[in-house]
Each structure stands twice: as C-alpha cells, then as structure tokens.
C-alpha cells in the first residue's frame, strides 16, 4: 500500500510537471528582403497562456503589436545576418529564445560590361594585392612571402619610382593612402603597417582587433575600409585602427563572400572577388550589392597574350583618378593595366 501511494504521488507529480512545461516557438522567416516588413511572433505549442513578450533584433528593442507579436520595417537595418530575440514572460518566469534571420537586398544588382579606354604597361612579376592612384602616380602593394612590397609607379610607363620591401615573414595585401600615410595590410600576419608617404619609412604597426585576416584596403576620406575574405567590409578608426563597425555584402538572393581588393568611388565601394574576374558595386550604408561588372574578357585577353595558365592570374587591383574620372584595373602577374569605363547592359 505504501509503495502504491508513492507511485500514485509520482505519477501525479509527473502529470503536473508535464502540464506546466512550456514549449515556445519563435515564428519568423529565415530570409526577407529589405523592402518588406518583418513579422515575428511567439506561440506556445500547447496554447498555454503567455503574459507578455519583449522582442529585439540585435541590440535594438522592437515595439510589440500585442502581447505576442511585432512587425518592423527591414529597411531600417543593414543587410546580412541578424539575431531575433524574444524574452517571454509566463507564470512569473522568463525564457529567452533566439533565431537567426537574414535581411536581403530589395532588388537584383545592375549588370555592367566595360569599354577599354587606354592600356598601360604593368610589371608582370607583380602579384598585385592592392592598387591606388594618388597625386598622379600609382601605388601598388603585392603579395607572397619574400615577394611583398609597396611601390610608387609612373602610370604611363610602368616605371618603378620607389619601393619598400615587406619583411619576408609577411604576405602583403591591400594598400590605401589616407592623411599622407600609406597603409598596408598583411594576409595572416594579424597586423597592418603605416608608412610615410614621401620616404616609405615604416612609422607604426597596428593589430586587427576583430577580424582574423587582411585582404583589401581602401578609405572614404574619414575611415579605413578593410575586407577579411568573408562577406564583411570593416570600417576602421584611422587613429586607433579599431574595427568599429561593418557591413555585409548581400544581393537579393545571397551573401557575397571572398571580398578582396577595394576602392571607394563617388560614395560607393568597388570590390574585387577573389578568384573571380568581376567587380561588385556596394552601398556602404547597408551592404547592398547595387551592381556587378563582368570583366572576364580582360583576363581572357591577358591569358592569351602572356600564355598564362588559368590559376592565380586573376583580376585584382582597382584604382580611381577622381580628378579626371578614370578607373584603372589590373591583375596578378598581368603585363597590362587597363583604363576602363563601366557600361550598364
């Protein structure tokens, strides 16, 4: 009798515990375009009562339509991956539930082709990782350990006017000029280097604070812009070199990874994609890929003329002459540098 009472008590306790167990479901789409409204809601699998819910996306709190749902405009956010969080209040308790959501571009990118305006000589031994036009000259950074350097080049002749070799332990990456300083990234070295523009003497090094690698480098006149091989473009404080914020490059269908060499042109970011002979045109405010330029024909021409194999000899190098509105591109081991005009198809 004693054991039977214990069994009955345990059975009742089990039923009560099962009855009081809440199983919440956070309802939201996995992907949504930025011109749409996002509706998120909480439901309980057994329709048990919920007192209230506090919603947020990232660190931004979202006002609720009622106790269990909320609707927001996606265009208030940057594109890319976000985390929807719901804090559920029930029976004097709380439970936190999270779910990822991806904000996509509201339209497909414009497609561009190109027209060659001029052709200039380029050192075919240069494994180009960064390119910039400044005060009438090209500044170039190259990669590979033991072969990395920064150099100043005469555009019309390709003549090297000045060069500084990087320590052989580093693989050089992107370069950019801001505040009369040359800034250079290293690939996996975890550091960037700052040089005096006139003398090419090294002034300081800085460490990457959040990203793991250095790929492309540019600036918008106020901040340094850096890629790390993912879909992210980081914005760095030029004094502290802290990676203060980032955007993620997205089309209306997917993210675009392997962002490489960068150039900031008329308020937009132009980016090479590693191992692809194209340029993305990216909105720096939200990460939307607004345009894609197919430059595969340039690589085909180079491969044929130089008898190169189709491997690392890819497009990588964008420079812009703001004063004369000239766009220059080249690639790794290319013997030519092209001045081109992008044309919408």
Protein backbone atom coordinates (compact mmCIF):
# COMPACT_ATOMS: atom_id res chain seq x y z
CA UNK A 1 0.00 0.00 0.00
CA UNK A 2 2.85 2.28 0.92
CA UNK A 3 4.60 1.70 -2.42
CA UNK A 4 1.33 2.15 -4.30
CA UNK A 5 0.83 5.58 -2.69
CA UNK A 6 4.34 6.59 -3.63
CA UNK A 7 3.74 5.52 -7.25
CA UNK A 8 0.47 7.44 -7.39
CA UNK A 9 2.19 10.53 -5.96
CA UNK A 10 5.00 10.32 -8.51
CA UNK A 11 2.52 9.87 -11.36
CA UNK A 12 0.58 12.95 -10.26
CA UNK A 13 3.81 14.94 -9.90
CA UNK A 14 4.84 13.88 -13.41
CA UNK A 15 1.50 14.93 -14.87
CA UNK A 16 1.63 18.29 -13.12
CA UNK A 17 5.19 18.93 -14.32
CA UNK A 18 4.26 17.97 -17.88
CA UNK A 19 1.21 20.18 -17.70
CA UNK A 20 3.21 23.19 -16.56
CA UNK A 21 6.05 22.71 -19.08
CA UNK A 22 6.02 25.44 -21.73
CA UNK A 23 7.36 24.88 -25.23
CA UNK A 24 7.68 28.15 -27.13
CA UNK A 25 8.06 28.63 -30.85
CA UNK A 26 9.61 31.81 -32.26
CA UNK A 27 7.96 32.43 -35.61
CA UNK A 28 9.87 34.47 -38.21
CA UNK A 29 11.04 33.93 -41.80
CA UNK A 30 14.61 32.79 -42.42
CA UNK A 31 15.16 35.35 -45.21
CA UNK A 32 13.40 38.59 -46.06
CA UNK A 33 14.10 41.42 -48.50
CA UNK A 34 14.72 44.91 -47.16
CA UNK A 35 11.64 46.44 -48.83
CA UNK A 36 9.35 44.13 -46.87
CA UNK A 37 8.01 44.17 -43.34
CA UNK A 38 9.14 41.50 -40.90
CA UNK A 39 6.51 39.97 -38.62
CA UNK A 40 7.74 37.98 -35.63
CA UNK A 41 5.63 36.24 -33.04
CA UNK A 42 5.74 33.78 -30.17
CA UNK A 43 3.42 30.83 -29.78
CA UNK A 44 3.23 28.06 -27.21
CA UNK A 45 2.98 24.53 -28.54
CA UNK A 46 0.14 23.63 -26.20
CA UNK A 47 -1.58 27.03 -26.41
CA UNK A 48 -0.65 27.80 -22.81
CA UNK A 49 -1.09 31.43 -21.71
CA UNK A 50 1.71 33.96 -22.19
CA UNK A 51 1.78 37.14 -20.12
CA UNK A 52 3.94 39.25 -22.45
CA UNK A 53 6.95 39.19 -24.78
CA UNK A 54 9.83 41.62 -25.31
CA UNK A 55 11.28 41.44 -28.82
CA UNK A 56 14.62 42.73 -30.10
CA UNK A 57 16.84 42.43 -33.16
CA UNK A 58 20.46 42.64 -32.15
CA UNK A 59 20.60 45.40 -29.55
CA UNK A 60 17.53 47.22 -30.90
CA UNK A 61 14.28 46.75 -28.97
CA UNK A 62 11.14 46.23 -31.06
CA UNK A 63 7.73 47.51 -30.07
CA UNK A 64 5.07 44.79 -29.86
CA UNK A 65 1.78 44.89 -31.80
CA UNK A 66 0.22 42.97 -28.93
CA UNK A 67 1.44 40.61 -26.24
CA UNK A 68 2.93 38.06 -28.61
CA UNK A 69 3.83 39.63 -31.99
CA UNK A 70 5.60 42.54 -33.62
CA UNK A 71 6.06 43.99 -37.12
CA UNK A 72 9.03 46.09 -38.24
CA UNK A 73 10.42 47.66 -41.41
CA UNK A 74 13.53 45.81 -42.54
CA UNK A 75 14.98 48.82 -44.39
CA UNK A 76 15.88 50.33 -41.02
CA UNK A 77 18.65 47.72 -40.71
CA UNK A 78 21.85 46.80 -42.53
CA UNK A 79 21.73 43.73 -44.73
CA UNK A 80 23.03 40.39 -43.54
CA UNK A 81 22.61 38.08 -40.60
CA UNK A 82 20.71 39.32 -37.55
CA UNK A 83 19.50 37.64 -34.38
CA UNK A 84 15.84 37.89 -33.35
CA UNK A 85 15.45 37.60 -29.59
CA UNK A 86 12.24 37.09 -27.62
CA UNK A 87 12.08 37.34 -23.82
CA UNK A 88 8.88 35.53 -22.82
CA UNK A 89 7.13 36.21 -19.52
CA UNK A 90 4.83 33.48 -18.16
CA UNK A 91 3.76 32.16 -14.76
CA UNK A 92 6.16 34.53 -13.03
CA UNK A 93 9.04 33.14 -15.11
CA UNK A 94 11.04 34.26 -18.14
CA UNK A 95 12.61 32.43 -21.04
CA UNK A 96 14.93 33.72 -23.76
CA UNK A 97 14.55 32.39 -27.31
CA UNK A 98 16.68 33.38 -30.31
CA UNK A 99 16.56 32.75 -34.04
CA UNK A 100 18.68 33.98 -36.96
CA UNK A 101 17.17 35.99 -39.79
CA UNK A 102 18.84 37.22 -42.98
CA UNK A 103 17.99 40.62 -44.46
CA UNK A 104 18.49 40.59 -48.24
CA UNK A 105 18.69 43.38 -50.83
CA UNK A 106 15.40 44.65 -52.20
CA UNK A 107 16.37 44.17 -55.86
CA UNK A 108 18.88 42.35 -58.03
CA UNK A 109 22.12 44.17 -58.93
CA UNK A 110 22.56 46.12 -62.16
CA UNK A 111 24.79 44.29 -64.64
CA UNK A 112 27.71 46.14 -66.25
CA UNK A 113 30.08 45.43 -69.07
CA UNK A 114 33.13 47.54 -69.93
CA UNK A 115 34.93 49.51 -72.60
CA UNK A 116 38.73 49.79 -72.69
CA UNK A 117 39.77 53.46 -72.85
CA UNK A 118 43.55 53.10 -72.54
CA UNK A 119 46.15 50.43 -71.87
CA UNK A 120 49.33 50.93 -69.85
CA UNK A 121 52.32 48.69 -69.05
CA UNK A 122 52.29 46.76 -65.79
CA UNK A 123 55.00 44.66 -64.18
CA UNK A 124 54.10 41.05 -64.95
CA UNK A 125 56.12 39.91 -61.92
CA UNK A 126 53.87 41.87 -59.56
CA UNK A 127 51.46 39.67 -57.61
CA UNK A 128 49.07 42.59 -57.21
CA UNK A 129 47.09 42.77 -53.97
CA UNK A 130 46.39 46.48 -53.67
CA UNK A 131 46.27 49.42 -56.06
CA UNK A 132 45.67 53.15 -55.59
CA UNK A 133 46.01 56.29 -57.71
CA UNK A 134 47.21 59.34 -55.79
CA UNK A 135 48.51 62.72 -56.98
CA UNK A 136 49.32 61.49 -60.46
CA UNK A 137 51.00 58.20 -59.55
CA UNK A 138 50.02 54.59 -58.93
CA UNK A 139 50.79 53.00 -55.59
CA UNK A 140 50.81 49.22 -55.55
CA UNK A 141 51.08 46.51 -52.91
CA UNK A 142 51.97 42.91 -53.72
CA UNK A 143 51.74 39.55 -52.01
CA UNK A 144 53.53 36.25 -51.36
CA UNK A 145 56.13 35.84 -48.65
CA UNK A 146 59.53 37.15 -49.69
CA UNK A 147 57.98 38.96 -52.67
CA UNK A 148 55.76 41.52 -50.93
CA UNK A 149 56.37 45.25 -51.21
CA UNK A 150 54.80 48.65 -51.71
CA UNK A 151 55.88 50.72 -54.67
CA UNK A 152 55.24 54.02 -56.43
CA UNK A 153 54.82 53.66 -60.18
CA UNK A 154 54.65 56.01 -63.14
CA UNK A 155 51.32 55.33 -64.84
CA UNK A 156 52.26 55.94 -68.48
CA UNK A 157 55.50 53.91 -68.49
CA UNK A 158 55.10 51.46 -65.62
CA UNK A 159 58.47 52.65 -64.29
CA UNK A 160 59.04 51.93 -60.60
CA UNK A 161 59.98 55.19 -58.87
CA UNK A 162 60.14 53.98 -55.28
CA UNK A 163 59.85 50.66 -53.47
CA UNK A 164 59.81 49.29 -49.92
CA UNK A 165 60.03 45.54 -49.33
CA UNK A 166 57.94 43.92 -46.63
CA UNK A 167 59.54 41.64 -44.06
CA UNK A 168 59.81 38.21 -45.69
CA UNK A 169 57.69 36.59 -42.98
CA UNK A 170 54.64 38.55 -44.13
CA UNK A 171 52.31 38.11 -47.10
CA UNK A 172 51.35 41.60 -48.25
CA UNK A 173 47.78 42.53 -49.07
CA UNK A 174 45.77 45.70 -49.76
CA UNK A 175 47.11 49.27 -49.64
CA UNK A 176 45.47 52.68 -49.29
CA UNK A 177 46.58 56.27 -48.73
CA UNK A 178 44.97 58.45 -46.06
CA UNK A 179 46.29 61.57 -44.31
CA UNK A 180 49.54 61.40 -46.29
CA UNK A 181 50.28 57.91 -44.98
CA UNK A 182 50.43 54.62 -46.87
CA UNK A 183 48.56 51.85 -45.08
CA UNK A 184 49.26 48.21 -45.92
CA UNK A 185 47.64 45.01 -44.71
CA UNK A 186 49.18 41.59 -44.21
CA UNK A 187 47.20 38.46 -45.00
CA UNK A 188 47.54 36.17 -41.99
CA UNK A 189 50.09 38.19 -40.05
CA UNK A 190 47.41 39.89 -37.97
CA UNK A 191 48.92 43.34 -38.47
CA UNK A 192 48.80 46.35 -40.74
CA UNK A 193 51.66 48.75 -41.38
CA UNK A 194 51.73 52.53 -41.76
CA UNK A 195 54.43 54.23 -43.89
CA UNK A 196 55.43 57.81 -44.54
CA UNK A 197 54.10 58.70 -47.99
CA UNK A 198 57.24 60.52 -49.11
CA UNK A 199 60.03 58.37 -47.68
CA UNK A 200 58.28 54.96 -47.47
CA UNK A 201 59.76 54.60 -43.99
CA UNK A 202 57.69 52.46 -41.62
CA UNK A 203 56.11 54.54 -38.87
CA UNK A 204 53.97 52.06 -36.94
CA UNK A 205 52.16 48.75 -36.93
CA UNK A 206 48.60 48.04 -35.83
CA UNK A 207 46.82 44.84 -34.92
CA UNK A 208 43.49 43.66 -36.26
CA UNK A 209 41.01 43.99 -33.42
CA UNK A 210 38.11 41.81 -34.58
CA UNK A 211 38.77 40.31 -38.00
CA UNK A 212 41.28 37.49 -38.40
CA UNK A 213 42.80 38.32 -41.79
CA UNK A 214 43.67 41.26 -44.02
CA UNK A 215 42.64 41.30 -47.69
CA UNK A 216 41.55 44.55 -49.37
CA UNK A 217 42.07 48.11 -48.15
CA UNK A 218 40.57 51.50 -49.07
CA UNK A 219 39.30 54.67 -47.40
CA UNK A 220 36.37 57.04 -47.65
CA UNK A 221 38.35 60.10 -46.59
CA UNK A 222 37.47 59.62 -42.93
CA UNK A 223 37.69 55.90 -42.20
CA UNK A 224 39.74 52.96 -43.40
CA UNK A 225 37.78 50.20 -45.16
CA UNK A 226 39.00 46.62 -44.87
CA UNK A 227 37.99 43.19 -46.13
CA UNK A 228 38.92 39.91 -44.46
CA UNK A 229 37.94 37.29 -47.04
CA UNK A 230 34.34 36.99 -45.88
CA UNK A 231 31.26 38.99 -46.90
CA UNK A 232 32.19 41.73 -44.40
CA UNK A 233 33.67 45.16 -45.01
CA UNK A 234 35.06 46.67 -41.81
CA UNK A 235 35.24 50.39 -41.00
CA UNK A 236 38.35 51.29 -39.02
CA UNK A 237 39.15 54.36 -36.96
CA UNK A 238 42.25 55.81 -38.70
CA UNK A 239 43.79 56.87 -35.40
CA UNK A 240 43.20 53.82 -33.20
CA UNK A 241 42.72 51.27 -36.05
CA UNK A 242 39.84 49.72 -34.10
CA UNK A 243 37.34 47.95 -36.36
CA UNK A 244 34.36 49.96 -35.17
CA UNK A 245 31.61 48.61 -37.44
CA UNK A 246 30.98 46.58 -40.57
CA UNK A 247 28.55 45.92 -43.38
CA UNK A 248 27.88 42.59 -45.10
CA UNK A 249 27.60 42.38 -48.89
CA UNK A 250 24.28 40.85 -49.97
CA UNK A 251 22.28 40.61 -53.16
CA UNK A 252 18.55 39.91 -53.16
CA UNK A 253 19.39 36.18 -53.08
CA UNK A 254 22.61 35.56 -51.17
CA UNK A 255 25.67 36.92 -49.42
CA UNK A 256 28.84 37.53 -51.45
CA UNK A 257 31.99 36.19 -49.78
CA UNK A 258 35.71 36.43 -50.63
CA UNK A 259 35.60 40.21 -50.97
CA UNK A 260 39.12 41.30 -51.82
CA UNK A 261 40.67 44.49 -53.23
CA UNK A 262 38.68 47.67 -52.60
CA UNK A 263 38.26 51.19 -53.92
CA UNK A 264 35.90 53.92 -52.71
CA UNK A 265 34.43 55.74 -55.73
CA UNK A 266 31.82 58.52 -55.61
CA UNK A 267 30.21 57.29 -52.41
CA UNK A 268 30.18 53.59 -53.34
CA UNK A 269 32.54 50.70 -52.64
CA UNK A 270 34.03 48.82 -55.58
CA UNK A 271 35.29 45.35 -54.65
CA UNK A 272 37.06 42.51 -56.40
CA UNK A 273 36.01 38.97 -55.54
CA UNK A 274 38.86 36.52 -55.06
CA UNK A 275 39.24 34.11 -57.99
CA UNK A 276 36.52 35.88 -59.97
CA UNK A 277 37.08 38.48 -62.65
CA UNK A 278 34.35 40.84 -61.63
CA UNK A 279 33.77 43.98 -59.61
CA UNK A 280 30.94 44.45 -57.15
CA UNK A 281 29.50 47.92 -56.53
CA UNK A 282 28.36 48.03 -52.90
CA UNK A 283 26.32 50.54 -50.92
CA UNK A 284 28.44 51.43 -47.85
CA UNK A 285 25.39 52.22 -45.72
CA UNK A 286 23.66 48.85 -45.79
CA UNK A 287 25.81 46.42 -47.81
CA UNK A 288 23.50 46.15 -50.81
CA UNK A 289 25.24 44.92 -53.98
CA UNK A 290 23.97 47.52 -56.40
CA UNK A 291 25.99 46.44 -59.42
CA UNK A 292 28.18 43.68 -60.85
CA UNK A 293 30.71 44.31 -63.61
CA UNK A 294 31.83 41.27 -65.60
CA UNK A 295 35.49 41.79 -66.61
CA UNK A 296 36.21 38.22 -67.58
CA UNK A 297 37.15 39.33 -71.08
CA UNK A 298 40.19 41.18 -69.71
CA UNK A 299 41.54 38.03 -68.12
CA UNK A 300 40.92 36.06 -71.32
CA UNK A 301 42.95 38.64 -73.24
CA UNK A 302 45.81 38.53 -70.71
CA UNK A 303 45.94 34.73 -70.58
CA UNK A 304 46.14 34.56 -74.36
CA UNK A 305 48.78 37.26 -74.76
CA UNK A 306 51.02 36.10 -71.91
CA UNK A 307 50.44 32.37 -72.34
CA UNK A 308 49.43 32.07 -68.68
CA UNK A 309 47.58 29.20 -67.06
CA UNK A 310 44.15 29.84 -65.58
CA UNK A 311 45.14 29.83 -61.89
CA UNK A 312 46.13 32.75 -59.66
CA UNK A 313 46.49 35.25 -62.51
CA UNK A 314 43.13 36.84 -61.77
CA UNK A 315 41.75 40.36 -61.71
CA UNK A 316 42.88 42.05 -58.51
CA UNK A 317 43.50 45.77 -58.41
CA UNK A 318 41.17 48.78 -58.64
CA UNK A 319 42.34 52.40 -58.67
CA UNK A 320 40.44 55.62 -59.33
CA UNK A 321 41.62 59.02 -60.53
CA UNK A 322 38.96 61.25 -59.01
CA UNK A 323 40.16 64.46 -60.66
CA UNK A 324 39.92 63.02 -64.18
CA UNK A 325 37.24 60.37 -63.54
CA UNK A 326 39.45 57.48 -64.66
CA UNK A 327 39.03 53.89 -63.48
CA UNK A 328 42.04 51.56 -63.63
CA UNK A 329 42.16 47.79 -63.16
CA UNK A 330 44.83 45.12 -63.36
CA UNK A 331 45.52 41.64 -62.06
CA UNK A 332 48.12 39.36 -60.54
CA UNK A 333 51.04 38.93 -62.94
CA UNK A 334 49.23 40.90 -65.63
CA UNK A 335 51.52 42.74 -68.06
CA UNK A 336 48.87 45.40 -68.65
CA UNK A 337 46.93 47.90 -66.62
CA UNK A 338 43.61 48.92 -68.18
CA UNK A 339 41.74 52.17 -68.01
CA UNK A 340 38.12 51.18 -68.47
CA UNK A 341 34.63 52.61 -68.49
CA UNK A 342 31.80 50.60 -66.97
CA UNK A 343 28.63 50.47 -69.03
CA UNK A 344 25.21 49.22 -67.93
CA UNK A 345 23.89 46.37 -70.04
